[in-house]
Amino acid sequence: FGRHFMYVVLFGTCLPITAMMVPV
């Protein structure tokens, strides 16, 4: 699942920090 894991990693770079701050 190496390629799929890299896709997940790339998706993580697209998450805006402002969208995560409320649950964080």
PDB file of all heavy atoms in Angstrom:
ATOM      1  N   PHE A   1       0.828  -1.199   0.000  1.00  0.00           N
ATOM      2  CA  PHE A   1       0.000   0.000   0.000  1.00  0.00           C
ATOM      3  C   PHE A   1       0.871   1.260   0.000  1.00  0.00           C
ATOM      4  O   PHE A   1       0.443   2.302   0.496  1.00  0.00           O
ATOM      5  CB  PHE A   1      -0.921   0.010   1.225  1.00  0.00           C
ATOM      6  CG  PHE A   1      -1.837  -1.184   1.310  1.00  0.00           C
ATOM      7  CD1 PHE A   1      -1.559  -2.232   2.169  1.00  0.00           C
ATOM      8  CD2 PHE A   1      -2.961  -1.255   0.504  1.00  0.00           C
ATOM      9  CE1 PHE A   1      -2.398  -3.323   2.250  1.00  0.00           C
ATOM     10  CE2 PHE A   1      -3.805  -2.348   0.564  1.00  0.00           C
ATOM     11  CZ  PHE A   1      -3.522  -3.394   1.439  1.00  0.00           C
ATOM     12  N   GLY A   2       2.080   1.152  -0.544  1.00  0.00           N
ATOM     13  CA  GLY A   2       2.981   2.294  -0.544  1.00  0.00           C
ATOM     14  C   GLY A   2       2.447   3.471  -1.345  1.00  0.00           C
ATOM     15  O   GLY A   2       2.486   4.615  -0.890  1.00  0.00           O
ATOM     16  N   ARG A   3       1.935   3.193  -2.543  1.00  0.00           N
ATOM     17  CA  ARG A   3       1.425   4.277  -3.379  1.00  0.00           C
ATOM     18  C   ARG A   3       0.195   4.922  -2.748  1.00  0.00           C
ATOM     19  O   ARG A   3       0.056   6.158  -2.756  1.00  0.00           O
ATOM     20  CB  ARG A   3       1.093   3.740  -4.762  1.00  0.00           C
ATOM     21  CG  ARG A   3       0.533   4.795  -5.717  1.00  0.00           C
ATOM     22  CD  ARG A   3       0.330   4.228  -7.098  1.00  0.00           C
ATOM     23  NE  ARG A   3       1.605   3.800  -7.692  1.00  0.00           N
ATOM     24  CZ  ARG A   3       1.688   3.275  -8.908  1.00  0.00           C
ATOM     25  NH1 ARG A   3       0.594   3.111  -9.652  1.00  0.00           N
ATOM     26  NH2 ARG A   3       2.863   2.918  -9.392  1.00  0.00           N
ATOM     27  N   HIS A   4      -0.690   4.119  -2.184  1.00  0.00           N
ATOM     28  CA  HIS A   4      -1.879   4.673  -1.543  1.00  0.00           C
ATOM     29  C   HIS A   4      -1.496   5.504  -0.316  1.00  0.00           C
ATOM     30  O   HIS A   4      -2.119   6.535  -0.027  1.00  0.00           O
ATOM     31  CB  HIS A   4      -2.833   3.547  -1.143  1.00  0.00           C
ATOM     32  CG  HIS A   4      -3.314   2.719  -2.294  1.00  0.00           C
ATOM     33  ND1 HIS A   4      -2.572   1.671  -2.793  1.00  0.00           N
ATOM     34  CD2 HIS A   4      -4.437   2.805  -3.066  1.00  0.00           C
ATOM     35  CE1 HIS A   4      -3.226   1.123  -3.811  1.00  0.00           C
ATOM     36  NE2 HIS A   4      -4.361   1.790  -3.992  1.00  0.00           N
ATOM     37  N   PHE A   5      -0.461   5.046   0.390  1.00  0.00           N
ATOM     38  CA  PHE A   5      -0.012   5.822   1.543  1.00  0.00           C
ATOM     39  C   PHE A   5       0.527   7.176   1.106  1.00  0.00           C
ATOM     40  O   PHE A   5       0.283   8.198   1.775  1.00  0.00           O
ATOM     41  CB  PHE A   5       1.068   5.038   2.299  1.00  0.00           C
ATOM     42  CG  PHE A   5       1.598   5.757   3.502  1.00  0.00           C
ATOM     43  CD1 PHE A   5       0.871   5.792   4.682  1.00  0.00           C
ATOM     44  CD2 PHE A   5       2.825   6.402   3.453  1.00  0.00           C
ATOM     45  CE1 PHE A   5       1.360   6.453   5.788  1.00  0.00           C
ATOM     46  CE2 PHE A   5       3.321   7.072   4.555  1.00  0.00           C
ATOM     47  CZ  PHE A   5       2.584   7.084   5.727  1.00  0.00           C
ATOM     48  N   MET A   6       1.247   7.241   0.001  1.00  0.00           N
ATOM     49  CA  MET A   6       1.750   8.514  -0.501  1.00  0.00           C
ATOM     50  C   MET A   6       0.618   9.425  -0.931  1.00  0.00           C
ATOM     51  O   MET A   6       0.692  10.650  -0.761  1.00  0.00           O
ATOM     52  CB  MET A   6       2.714   8.276  -1.665  1.00  0.00           C
ATOM     53  CG  MET A   6       4.026   7.634  -1.269  1.00  0.00           C
ATOM     54  SD  MET A   6       4.916   8.564  -0.002  1.00  0.00           S
ATOM     55  CE  MET A   6       5.154  10.131  -0.827  1.00  0.00           C
ATOM     56  N   TYR A   7      -0.464   8.827  -1.484  1.00  0.00           N
ATOM     57  CA  TYR A   7      -1.630   9.644  -1.812  1.00  0.00           C
ATOM     58  C   TYR A   7      -2.242  10.257  -0.553  1.00  0.00           C
ATOM     59  O   TYR A   7      -2.670  11.424  -0.545  1.00  0.00           O
ATOM     60  CB  TYR A   7      -2.665   8.805  -2.542  1.00  0.00           C
ATOM     61  CG  TYR A   7      -2.280   8.422  -3.952  1.00  0.00           C
ATOM     62  CD1 TYR A   7      -2.811   7.291  -4.559  1.00  0.00           C
ATOM     63  CD2 TYR A   7      -1.393   9.201  -4.684  1.00  0.00           C
ATOM     64  CE1 TYR A   7      -2.459   6.934  -5.858  1.00  0.00           C
ATOM     65  CE2 TYR A   7      -1.040   8.853  -5.978  1.00  0.00           C
ATOM     66  CZ  TYR A   7      -1.570   7.714  -6.555  1.00  0.00           C
ATOM     67  OH  TYR A   7      -1.210   7.380  -7.837  1.00  0.00           O
ATOM     68  N   VAL A   8      -2.288   9.479   0.504  1.00  0.00           N
ATOM     69  CA  VAL A   8      -2.811  10.002   1.772  1.00  0.00           C
ATOM     70  C   VAL A   8      -1.906  11.114   2.290  1.00  0.00           C
ATOM     71  O   VAL A   8      -2.377  12.132   2.817  1.00  0.00           O
ATOM     72  CB  VAL A   8      -2.945   8.868   2.802  1.00  0.00           C
ATOM     73  CG1 VAL A   8      -3.327   9.417   4.167  1.00  0.00           C
ATOM     74  CG2 VAL A   8      -3.969   7.849   2.331  1.00  0.00           C
ATOM     75  N   VAL A   9      -0.603  10.922   2.149  1.00  0.00           N
ATOM     76  CA  VAL A   9       0.339  11.958   2.592  1.00  0.00           C
ATOM     77  C   VAL A   9       0.135  13.242   1.801  1.00  0.00           C
ATOM     78  O   VAL A   9       0.105  14.343   2.359  1.00  0.00           O
ATOM     79  CB  VAL A   9       1.788  11.442   2.443  1.00  0.00           C
ATOM     80  CG1 VAL A   9       2.783  12.575   2.640  1.00  0.00           C
ATOM     81  CG2 VAL A   9       2.055  10.338   3.448  1.00  0.00           C
ATOM     82  N   LEU A  10      -0.011  13.122   0.476  1.00  0.00           N
ATOM     83  CA  LEU A  10      -0.245  14.306  -0.347  1.00  0.00           C
ATOM     84  C   LEU A  10      -1.570  14.970   0.002  1.00  0.00           C
ATOM     85  O   LEU A  10      -1.688  16.198  -0.019  1.00  0.00           O
ATOM     86  CB  LEU A  10      -0.216  13.932  -1.827  1.00  0.00           C
ATOM     87  CG  LEU A  10       1.152  13.572  -2.397  1.00  0.00           C
ATOM     88  CD1 LEU A  10       1.026  13.140  -3.845  1.00  0.00           C
ATOM     89  CD2 LEU A  10       2.104  14.734  -2.289  1.00  0.00           C
ATOM     90  N   PHE A  11      -2.579  14.170   0.329  1.00  0.00           N
ATOM     91  CA  PHE A  11      -3.859  14.744   0.732  1.00  0.00           C
ATOM     92  C   PHE A  11      -3.707  15.522   2.034  1.00  0.00           C
ATOM     93  O   PHE A  11      -4.374  16.546   2.240  1.00  0.00           O
ATOM     94  CB  PHE A  11      -4.900  13.640   0.904  1.00  0.00           C
ATOM     95  CG  PHE A  11      -6.223  14.132   1.437  1.00  0.00           C
ATOM     96  CD1 PHE A  11      -7.099  14.825   0.623  1.00  0.00           C
ATOM     97  CD2 PHE A  11      -6.576  13.911   2.760  1.00  0.00           C
ATOM     98  CE1 PHE A  11      -8.317  15.278   1.113  1.00  0.00           C
ATOM     99  CE2 PHE A  11      -7.786  14.362   3.263  1.00  0.00           C
ATOM    100  CZ  PHE A  11      -8.660  15.054   2.433  1.00  0.00           C
ATOM    101  N   GLY A  12      -2.822  15.060   2.909  1.00  0.00           N
ATOM    102  CA  GLY A  12      -2.603  15.771   4.172  1.00  0.00           C
ATOM    103  C   GLY A  12      -2.025  17.152   3.977  1.00  0.00           C
ATOM    104  O   GLY A  12      -2.226  18.036   4.822  1.00  0.00           O
ATOM    105  N   THR A  13      -1.298  17.381   2.874  1.00  0.00           N
ATOM    106  CA  THR A  13      -0.761  18.707   2.615  1.00  0.00           C
ATOM    107  C   THR A  13      -1.837  19.697   2.176  1.00  0.00           C
ATOM    108  O   THR A  13      -1.589  20.904   2.178  1.00  0.00           O
ATOM    109  CB  THR A  13       0.316  18.635   1.521  1.00  0.00           C
ATOM    110  OG1 THR A  13      -0.280  18.168   0.295  1.00  0.00           O
ATOM    111  CG2 THR A  13       1.427  17.677   1.920  1.00  0.00           C
ATOM    112  N   CYS A  14      -3.008  19.200   1.785  1.00  0.00           N
ATOM    113  CA  CYS A  14      -4.077  20.074   1.304  1.00  0.00           C
ATOM    114  C   CYS A  14      -5.005  20.537   2.412  1.00  0.00           C
ATOM    115  O   CYS A  14      -5.857  21.401   2.172  1.00  0.00           O
ATOM    116  CB  CYS A  14      -4.891  19.365   0.223  1.00  0.00           C
ATOM    117  SG  CYS A  14      -3.921  18.786  -1.186  1.00  0.00           S
ATOM    118  N   LEU A  15      -4.884  19.975   3.605  1.00  0.00           N
ATOM    119  CA  LEU A  15      -5.790  20.350   4.688  1.00  0.00           C
ATOM    120  C   LEU A  15      -5.415  21.718   5.239  1.00  0.00           C
ATOM    121  O   LEU A  15      -4.301  21.905   5.725  1.00  0.00           O
ATOM    122  CB  LEU A  15      -5.740  19.301   5.803  1.00  0.00           C
ATOM    123  CG  LEU A  15      -6.254  17.906   5.442  1.00  0.00           C
ATOM    124  CD1 LEU A  15      -6.048  16.958   6.618  1.00  0.00           C
ATOM    125  CD2 LEU A  15      -7.731  17.962   5.067  1.00  0.00           C
ATOM    126  N   PRO A  16      -6.315  22.694   5.196  1.00  0.00           N
ATOM    127  CA  PRO A  16      -5.998  24.010   5.780  1.00  0.00           C
ATOM    128  C   PRO A  16      -5.976  23.946   7.290  1.00  0.00           C
ATOM    129  O   PRO A  16      -6.781  23.251   7.914  1.00  0.00           O
ATOM    130  CB  PRO A  16      -7.134  24.897   5.260  1.00  0.00           C
ATOM    131  CG  PRO A  16      -8.265  23.957   5.013  1.00  0.00           C
ATOM    132  CD  PRO A  16      -7.645  22.647   4.590  1.00  0.00           C
ATOM    133  N   ILE A  17      -5.034  24.680   7.874  1.00  0.00           N
ATOM    134  CA  ILE A  17      -4.869  24.642   9.319  1.00  0.00           C
ATOM    135  C   ILE A  17      -6.078  25.242  10.027  1.00  0.00           C
ATOM    136  O   ILE A  17      -6.443  24.830  11.138  1.00  0.00           O
ATOM    137  CB  ILE A  17      -3.578  25.380   9.715  1.00  0.00           C
ATOM    138  CG1 ILE A  17      -3.226  25.105  11.172  1.00  0.00           C
ATOM    139  CG2 ILE A  17      -3.702  26.867   9.461  1.00  0.00           C
ATOM    140  CD1 ILE A  17      -2.843  23.697  11.460  1.00  0.00           C
ATOM    141  N   THR A  18      -6.751  26.203   9.394  1.00  0.00           N
ATOM    142  CA  THR A  18      -7.914  26.823  10.024  1.00  0.00           C
ATOM    143  C   THR A  18      -9.077  25.843  10.162  1.00  0.00           C
ATOM    144  O   THR A  18      -9.887  25.959  11.076  1.00  0.00           O
ATOM    145  CB  THR A  18      -8.371  28.043   9.204  1.00  0.00           C
ATOM    146  OG1 THR A  18      -8.556  27.651   7.835  1.00  0.00           O
ATOM    147  CG2 THR A  18      -7.335  29.138   9.267  1.00  0.00           C
ATOM    148  N   ALA A  19      -9.161  24.872   9.243  1.00  0.00           N
ATOM    149  CA  ALA A  19     -10.249  23.895   9.316  1.00  0.00           C
ATOM    150  C   ALA A  19     -10.045  22.896  10.436  1.00  0.00           C
ATOM    151  O   ALA A  19     -11.004  22.266  10.889  1.00  0.00           O
ATOM    152  CB  ALA A  19     -10.378  23.161   7.984  1.00  0.00           C
ATOM    153  N   MET A  20      -8.805  22.742  10.914  1.00  0.00           N
ATOM    154  CA  MET A  20      -8.526  21.770  11.956  1.00  0.00           C
ATOM    155  C   MET A  20      -8.510  22.365  13.358  1.00  0.00           C
ATOM    156  O   MET A  20      -8.486  21.632  14.341  1.00  0.00           O
ATOM    157  CB  MET A  20      -7.158  21.108  11.696  1.00  0.00           C
ATOM    158  CG  MET A  20      -7.078  20.338  10.404  1.00  0.00           C
ATOM    159  SD  MET A  20      -5.497  19.448  10.263  1.00  0.00           S
ATOM    160  CE  MET A  20      -4.359  20.825  10.123  1.00  0.00           C
ATOM    161  N   MET A  21      -8.489  23.687  13.480  1.00  0.00           N
ATOM    162  CA  MET A  21      -8.237  24.293  14.781  1.00  0.00           C
ATOM    163  C   MET A  21      -9.376  24.102  15.761  1.00  0.00           C
ATOM    164  O   MET A  21      -9.143  24.014  16.972  1.00  0.00           O
ATOM    165  CB  MET A  21      -7.943  25.786  14.620  1.00  0.00           C
ATOM    166  CG  MET A  21      -6.560  26.075  14.082  1.00  0.00           C
ATOM    167  SD  MET A  21      -5.254  25.165  14.947  1.00  0.00           S
ATOM    168  CE  MET A  21      -5.426  25.786  16.612  1.00  0.00           C
ATOM    169  N   VAL A  22     -10.623  24.035  15.282  1.00  0.00           N
ATOM    170  CA  VAL A  22     -11.743  23.854  16.220  1.00  0.00           C
ATOM    171  C   VAL A  22     -11.668  22.492  16.906  1.00  0.00           C
ATOM    172  O   VAL A  22     -11.692  22.401  18.147  1.00  0.00           O
ATOM    173  CB  VAL A  22     -13.092  24.046  15.505  1.00  0.00           C
ATOM    174  CG1 VAL A  22     -14.249  23.676  16.441  1.00  0.00           C
ATOM    175  CG2 VAL A  22     -13.235  25.486  15.032  1.00  0.00           C
ATOM    176  N   PRO A  23     -11.553  21.363  16.174  1.00  0.00           N
ATOM    177  CA  PRO A  23     -11.398  20.079  16.874  1.00  0.00           C
ATOM    178  C   PRO A  23     -10.074  19.971  17.629  1.00  0.00           C
ATOM    179  O   PRO A  23     -10.015  19.325  18.687  1.00  0.00           O
ATOM    180  CB  PRO A  23     -11.495  19.032  15.759  1.00  0.00           C
ATOM    181  CG  PRO A  23     -11.178  19.764  14.518  1.00  0.00           C
ATOM    182  CD  PRO A  23     -11.667  21.153  14.710  1.00  0.00           C
ATOM    183  N   VAL A  24      -9.018  20.593  17.121  1.00  0.00           N
ATOM    184  CA  VAL A  24      -7.738  20.546  17.830  1.00  0.00           C
ATOM    185  C   VAL A  24      -7.835  21.303  19.152  1.00  0.00           C
ATOM    186  O   VAL A  24      -7.323  20.844  20.178  1.00  0.00           O
ATOM    187  CB  VAL A  24      -6.616  21.133  16.941  1.00  0.00           C
ATOM    188  CG1 VAL A  24      -5.349  21.390  17.757  1.00  0.00           C
ATOM    189  CG2 VAL A  24      -6.311  20.177  15.796  1.00  0.00           C
TER     190      VAL A  24
END
